[in-house]
Amino acid sequence: MDEEPVKFPVSDVLDLHTFAPRDTQAAVEAYLEEAHRKGLTALRIIHGRGIGVKRETVRQVLARTPSVAHFGDAPAEAGGWGATVVTLRRAGPNGH
């Protein structure tokens, strides 16, 4: 049985704590697409520290996403290695 997609407002922060590890990739891909479409350029993705499974998935998605200009660990006051900060390229006039 397919579940309806969950809709949530897109802001400059995505907290993945509520997502199952199996849903992380799709959630991050959809988030990046919508954030880029909205013209956001500075993002923070909170994946938690744990054993690094979500962090690795996030980093793999970021590495292959053309709209991502740069990413790295968040500063200590913003989550340190439990969060990743992302800089997106500016969207063009048609959203790309």
N, C-alpha and C. Protein backbone atom coordinates (compact mmCIF):
# COMPACT_ATOMS: atom_id res chain seq x y z
N MET A 1 0.83 -1.17 0.00
CA MET A 1 0.00 0.00 0.00
C MET A 1 0.88 1.24 0.00
N ASP A 2 0.71 2.10 -1.01
CA ASP A 2 1.50 3.33 -1.11
C ASP A 2 0.93 4.38 -0.18
N GLU A 3 1.84 5.09 0.47
CA GLU A 3 1.43 6.17 1.34
C GLU A 3 1.44 7.47 0.55
N GLU A 4 0.58 8.40 0.96
CA GLU A 4 0.57 9.72 0.35
C GLU A 4 1.87 10.42 0.72
N PRO A 5 2.44 11.20 -0.21
CA PRO A 5 3.65 11.95 0.14
C PRO A 5 3.36 12.95 1.25
N VAL A 6 4.34 13.12 2.11
CA VAL A 6 4.20 14.07 3.20
C VAL A 6 4.60 15.44 2.67
N LYS A 7 3.75 16.43 2.89
CA LYS A 7 4.05 17.79 2.47
C LYS A 7 4.50 18.58 3.69
N PHE A 8 5.57 19.34 3.52
CA PHE A 8 6.05 20.18 4.61
C PHE A 8 6.60 21.47 4.02
N PRO A 9 6.52 22.57 4.77
CA PRO A 9 7.03 23.83 4.25
C PRO A 9 8.55 23.76 4.10
N VAL A 10 9.04 24.30 3.03
CA VAL A 10 10.49 24.30 2.79
C VAL A 10 11.09 25.58 3.33
N SER A 11 12.03 25.42 4.25
CA SER A 11 12.75 26.56 4.80
C SER A 11 14.24 26.29 4.60
N ASP A 12 15.08 27.06 5.27
CA ASP A 12 16.52 26.87 5.10
C ASP A 12 17.08 25.74 5.97
N VAL A 13 16.22 25.06 6.74
CA VAL A 13 16.66 23.96 7.59
C VAL A 13 15.78 22.74 7.34
N LEU A 14 16.42 21.60 7.15
CA LEU A 14 15.71 20.32 7.04
C LEU A 14 16.22 19.42 8.16
N ASP A 15 15.32 19.01 9.05
CA ASP A 15 15.67 18.11 10.15
C ASP A 15 15.23 16.71 9.78
N LEU A 16 16.20 15.82 9.60
CA LEU A 16 15.92 14.45 9.16
C LEU A 16 15.62 13.49 10.30
N HIS A 17 15.58 13.98 11.53
CA HIS A 17 15.31 13.08 12.66
C HIS A 17 13.99 12.33 12.52
N THR A 18 13.01 12.94 11.89
CA THR A 18 11.69 12.30 11.78
C THR A 18 11.58 11.37 10.57
N PHE A 19 12.61 11.31 9.74
CA PHE A 19 12.59 10.45 8.55
C PHE A 19 13.30 9.13 8.84
N ALA A 20 12.73 8.04 8.35
CA ALA A 20 13.39 6.74 8.44
C ALA A 20 14.61 6.76 7.53
N PRO A 21 15.67 6.03 7.88
CA PRO A 21 16.85 6.01 7.02
C PRO A 21 16.53 5.67 5.56
N ARG A 22 15.57 4.79 5.33
CA ARG A 22 15.23 4.40 3.95
C ARG A 22 14.60 5.55 3.16
N ASP A 23 14.07 6.57 3.86
CA ASP A 23 13.43 7.71 3.20
C ASP A 23 14.36 8.92 3.06
N THR A 24 15.55 8.83 3.62
CA THR A 24 16.46 9.97 3.65
C THR A 24 16.82 10.46 2.25
N GLN A 25 17.21 9.57 1.36
CA GLN A 25 17.64 9.98 0.03
C GLN A 25 16.54 10.75 -0.70
N ALA A 26 15.35 10.18 -0.75
CA ALA A 26 14.24 10.83 -1.45
C ALA A 26 13.88 12.17 -0.81
N ALA A 27 13.90 12.22 0.52
CA ALA A 27 13.57 13.47 1.23
C ALA A 27 14.57 14.56 0.90
N VAL A 28 15.86 14.23 0.90
CA VAL A 28 16.89 15.22 0.63
C VAL A 28 16.82 15.68 -0.83
N GLU A 29 16.62 14.75 -1.75
CA GLU A 29 16.51 15.11 -3.17
C GLU A 29 15.35 16.07 -3.39
N ALA A 30 14.18 15.76 -2.82
CA ALA A 30 13.00 16.62 -2.99
C ALA A 30 13.23 17.98 -2.32
N TYR A 31 13.84 17.97 -1.14
CA TYR A 31 14.12 19.21 -0.42
C TYR A 31 15.05 20.12 -1.23
N LEU A 32 16.13 19.55 -1.75
CA LEU A 32 17.08 20.36 -2.53
C LEU A 32 16.43 20.95 -3.76
N GLU A 33 15.63 20.16 -4.43
CA GLU A 33 14.95 20.65 -5.64
C GLU A 33 14.02 21.82 -5.31
N GLU A 34 13.24 21.68 -4.25
CA GLU A 34 12.30 22.73 -3.87
C GLU A 34 13.02 23.96 -3.32
N ALA A 35 14.07 23.75 -2.52
CA ALA A 35 14.83 24.88 -1.98
C ALA A 35 15.46 25.68 -3.12
N HIS A 36 16.00 24.99 -4.10
CA HIS A 36 16.61 25.66 -5.25
C HIS A 36 15.55 26.41 -6.05
N ARG A 37 14.39 25.78 -6.25
CA ARG A 37 13.30 26.42 -6.98
C ARG A 37 12.85 27.70 -6.27
N LYS A 38 12.85 27.67 -4.93
CA LYS A 38 12.43 28.84 -4.15
C LYS A 38 13.52 29.91 -4.06
N GLY A 39 14.72 29.62 -4.55
CA GLY A 39 15.79 30.61 -4.53
C GLY A 39 16.61 30.63 -3.26
N LEU A 40 16.43 29.62 -2.39
CA LEU A 40 17.25 29.56 -1.18
C LEU A 40 18.68 29.20 -1.57
N THR A 41 19.65 29.76 -0.89
CA THR A 41 21.04 29.46 -1.22
C THR A 41 21.86 28.93 -0.04
N ALA A 42 21.44 29.21 1.18
CA ALA A 42 22.16 28.75 2.37
C ALA A 42 21.24 27.83 3.17
N LEU A 43 21.61 26.56 3.25
CA LEU A 43 20.77 25.55 3.89
C LEU A 43 21.54 24.83 4.99
N ARG A 44 20.77 24.24 5.90
CA ARG A 44 21.36 23.36 6.92
C ARG A 44 20.51 22.11 6.98
N ILE A 45 21.14 20.96 6.81
CA ILE A 45 20.46 19.68 6.88
C ILE A 45 20.93 18.99 8.15
N ILE A 46 19.99 18.75 9.07
CA ILE A 46 20.31 18.11 10.35
C ILE A 46 20.07 16.61 10.20
N HIS A 47 21.15 15.85 10.31
CA HIS A 47 21.04 14.40 10.16
C HIS A 47 21.35 13.67 11.45
N GLY A 48 21.87 14.37 12.43
CA GLY A 48 22.22 13.74 13.69
C GLY A 48 23.61 13.13 13.64
N ARG A 49 24.11 12.74 14.79
CA ARG A 49 25.47 12.20 14.86
C ARG A 49 25.46 10.69 14.71
N GLY A 50 24.69 9.99 15.49
CA GLY A 50 24.54 8.54 15.38
C GLY A 50 25.76 7.80 14.86
N ILE A 51 25.52 6.83 13.97
CA ILE A 51 26.63 6.07 13.39
C ILE A 51 26.99 6.56 11.99
N GLY A 52 26.31 7.62 11.54
CA GLY A 52 26.68 8.27 10.29
C GLY A 52 25.97 7.80 9.04
N VAL A 53 24.94 6.96 9.17
CA VAL A 53 24.25 6.44 7.99
C VAL A 53 23.52 7.57 7.25
N LYS A 54 22.73 8.36 7.96
CA LYS A 54 22.02 9.46 7.31
C LYS A 54 23.01 10.49 6.78
N ARG A 55 24.05 10.78 7.54
CA ARG A 55 25.06 11.76 7.10
C ARG A 55 25.66 11.32 5.77
N GLU A 56 26.01 10.06 5.66
CA GLU A 56 26.61 9.55 4.42
C GLU A 56 25.63 9.64 3.26
N THR A 57 24.38 9.30 3.50
CA THR A 57 23.36 9.40 2.45
C THR A 57 23.20 10.84 2.00
N VAL A 58 23.12 11.76 2.96
CA VAL A 58 23.00 13.19 2.64
C VAL A 58 24.18 13.63 1.78
N ARG A 59 25.38 13.28 2.17
CA ARG A 59 26.58 13.71 1.45
C ARG A 59 26.63 13.12 0.04
N GLN A 60 26.17 11.89 -0.13
CA GLN A 60 26.14 11.28 -1.47
C GLN A 60 25.18 12.04 -2.38
N VAL A 61 24.01 12.38 -1.85
CA VAL A 61 23.03 13.14 -2.65
C VAL A 61 23.61 14.52 -3.00
N LEU A 62 24.20 15.20 -2.03
CA LEU A 62 24.76 16.53 -2.27
C LEU A 62 25.85 16.49 -3.33
N ALA A 63 26.70 15.47 -3.28
CA ALA A 63 27.83 15.38 -4.20
C ALA A 63 27.39 15.23 -5.65
N ARG A 64 26.21 14.69 -5.88
CA ARG A 64 25.77 14.47 -7.26
C ARG A 64 24.66 15.43 -7.72
N THR A 65 24.34 16.42 -6.89
CA THR A 65 23.28 17.37 -7.22
C THR A 65 23.88 18.62 -7.86
N PRO A 66 23.54 18.89 -9.13
CA PRO A 66 24.16 20.02 -9.84
C PRO A 66 23.92 21.38 -9.20
N SER A 67 22.82 21.59 -8.50
CA SER A 67 22.54 22.90 -7.90
C SER A 67 23.37 23.16 -6.64
N VAL A 68 24.09 22.14 -6.13
CA VAL A 68 24.89 22.30 -4.92
C VAL A 68 26.27 22.85 -5.29
N ALA A 69 26.60 24.02 -4.75
CA ALA A 69 27.91 24.63 -5.00
C ALA A 69 28.95 24.13 -4.00
N HIS A 70 28.53 23.94 -2.74
CA HIS A 70 29.48 23.55 -1.68
C HIS A 70 28.70 22.97 -0.50
N PHE A 71 29.35 22.07 0.24
CA PHE A 71 28.76 21.57 1.49
C PHE A 71 29.86 21.13 2.43
N GLY A 72 29.54 21.12 3.73
CA GLY A 72 30.50 20.70 4.73
C GLY A 72 29.84 20.63 6.10
N ASP A 73 30.64 20.26 7.11
CA ASP A 73 30.11 20.20 8.47
C ASP A 73 29.64 21.58 8.92
N ALA A 74 28.57 21.59 9.68
CA ALA A 74 28.07 22.84 10.25
C ALA A 74 29.04 23.30 11.34
N PRO A 75 29.07 24.61 11.63
CA PRO A 75 29.87 25.07 12.76
C PRO A 75 29.34 24.43 14.05
N ALA A 76 30.17 24.36 15.06
CA ALA A 76 29.80 23.72 16.32
C ALA A 76 28.48 24.24 16.88
N GLU A 77 28.26 25.55 16.80
CA GLU A 77 27.04 26.13 17.37
C GLU A 77 25.79 25.82 16.53
N ALA A 78 25.99 25.25 15.34
CA ALA A 78 24.86 24.91 14.46
C ALA A 78 24.73 23.40 14.26
N GLY A 79 25.38 22.63 15.12
CA GLY A 79 25.22 21.18 15.05
C GLY A 79 26.49 20.40 14.78
N GLY A 80 27.58 21.09 14.44
CA GLY A 80 28.84 20.39 14.18
C GLY A 80 28.67 19.28 13.16
N TRP A 81 29.27 18.12 13.42
CA TRP A 81 29.18 17.04 12.44
C TRP A 81 27.83 16.32 12.46
N GLY A 82 26.89 16.82 13.26
CA GLY A 82 25.52 16.29 13.25
C GLY A 82 24.63 17.02 12.26
N ALA A 83 25.22 17.99 11.56
CA ALA A 83 24.48 18.74 10.54
C ALA A 83 25.43 19.10 9.41
N THR A 84 24.87 19.29 8.23
CA THR A 84 25.65 19.68 7.07
C THR A 84 25.11 21.00 6.55
N VAL A 85 26.01 21.96 6.33
CA VAL A 85 25.61 23.22 5.72
C VAL A 85 25.84 23.10 4.21
N VAL A 86 24.92 23.70 3.47
CA VAL A 86 24.92 23.57 2.02
C VAL A 86 24.78 24.96 1.40
N THR A 87 25.56 25.21 0.37
CA THR A 87 25.40 26.42 -0.43
C THR A 87 24.91 25.98 -1.81
N LEU A 88 23.75 26.52 -2.18
CA LEU A 88 23.20 26.22 -3.51
C LEU A 88 23.57 27.33 -4.48
N ARG A 89 23.73 26.94 -5.73
CA ARG A 89 23.89 27.93 -6.79
C ARG A 89 22.57 28.70 -6.92
N ARG A 90 22.64 29.92 -7.31
CA ARG A 90 21.42 30.71 -7.51
C ARG A 90 20.65 30.15 -8.70
N ALA A 91 19.33 30.06 -8.52
CA ALA A 91 18.47 29.61 -9.61
C ALA A 91 18.36 30.72 -10.64
N GLY A 92 18.28 30.34 -11.90
CA GLY A 92 18.08 31.31 -12.98
C GLY A 92 16.65 31.82 -12.98
N PRO A 93 16.32 32.70 -13.91
CA PRO A 93 14.98 33.28 -13.94
C PRO A 93 13.87 32.26 -14.16
N ASN A 94 14.18 31.12 -14.76
CA ASN A 94 13.16 30.09 -14.97
C ASN A 94 13.21 29.02 -13.90
N GLY A 95 13.93 29.27 -12.80
CA GLY A 95 13.98 28.34 -11.68
C GLY A 95 15.06 27.29 -11.79
N HIS A 96 15.92 27.39 -12.83
CA HIS A 96 16.99 26.38 -13.01
C HIS A 96 18.35 27.02 -12.96
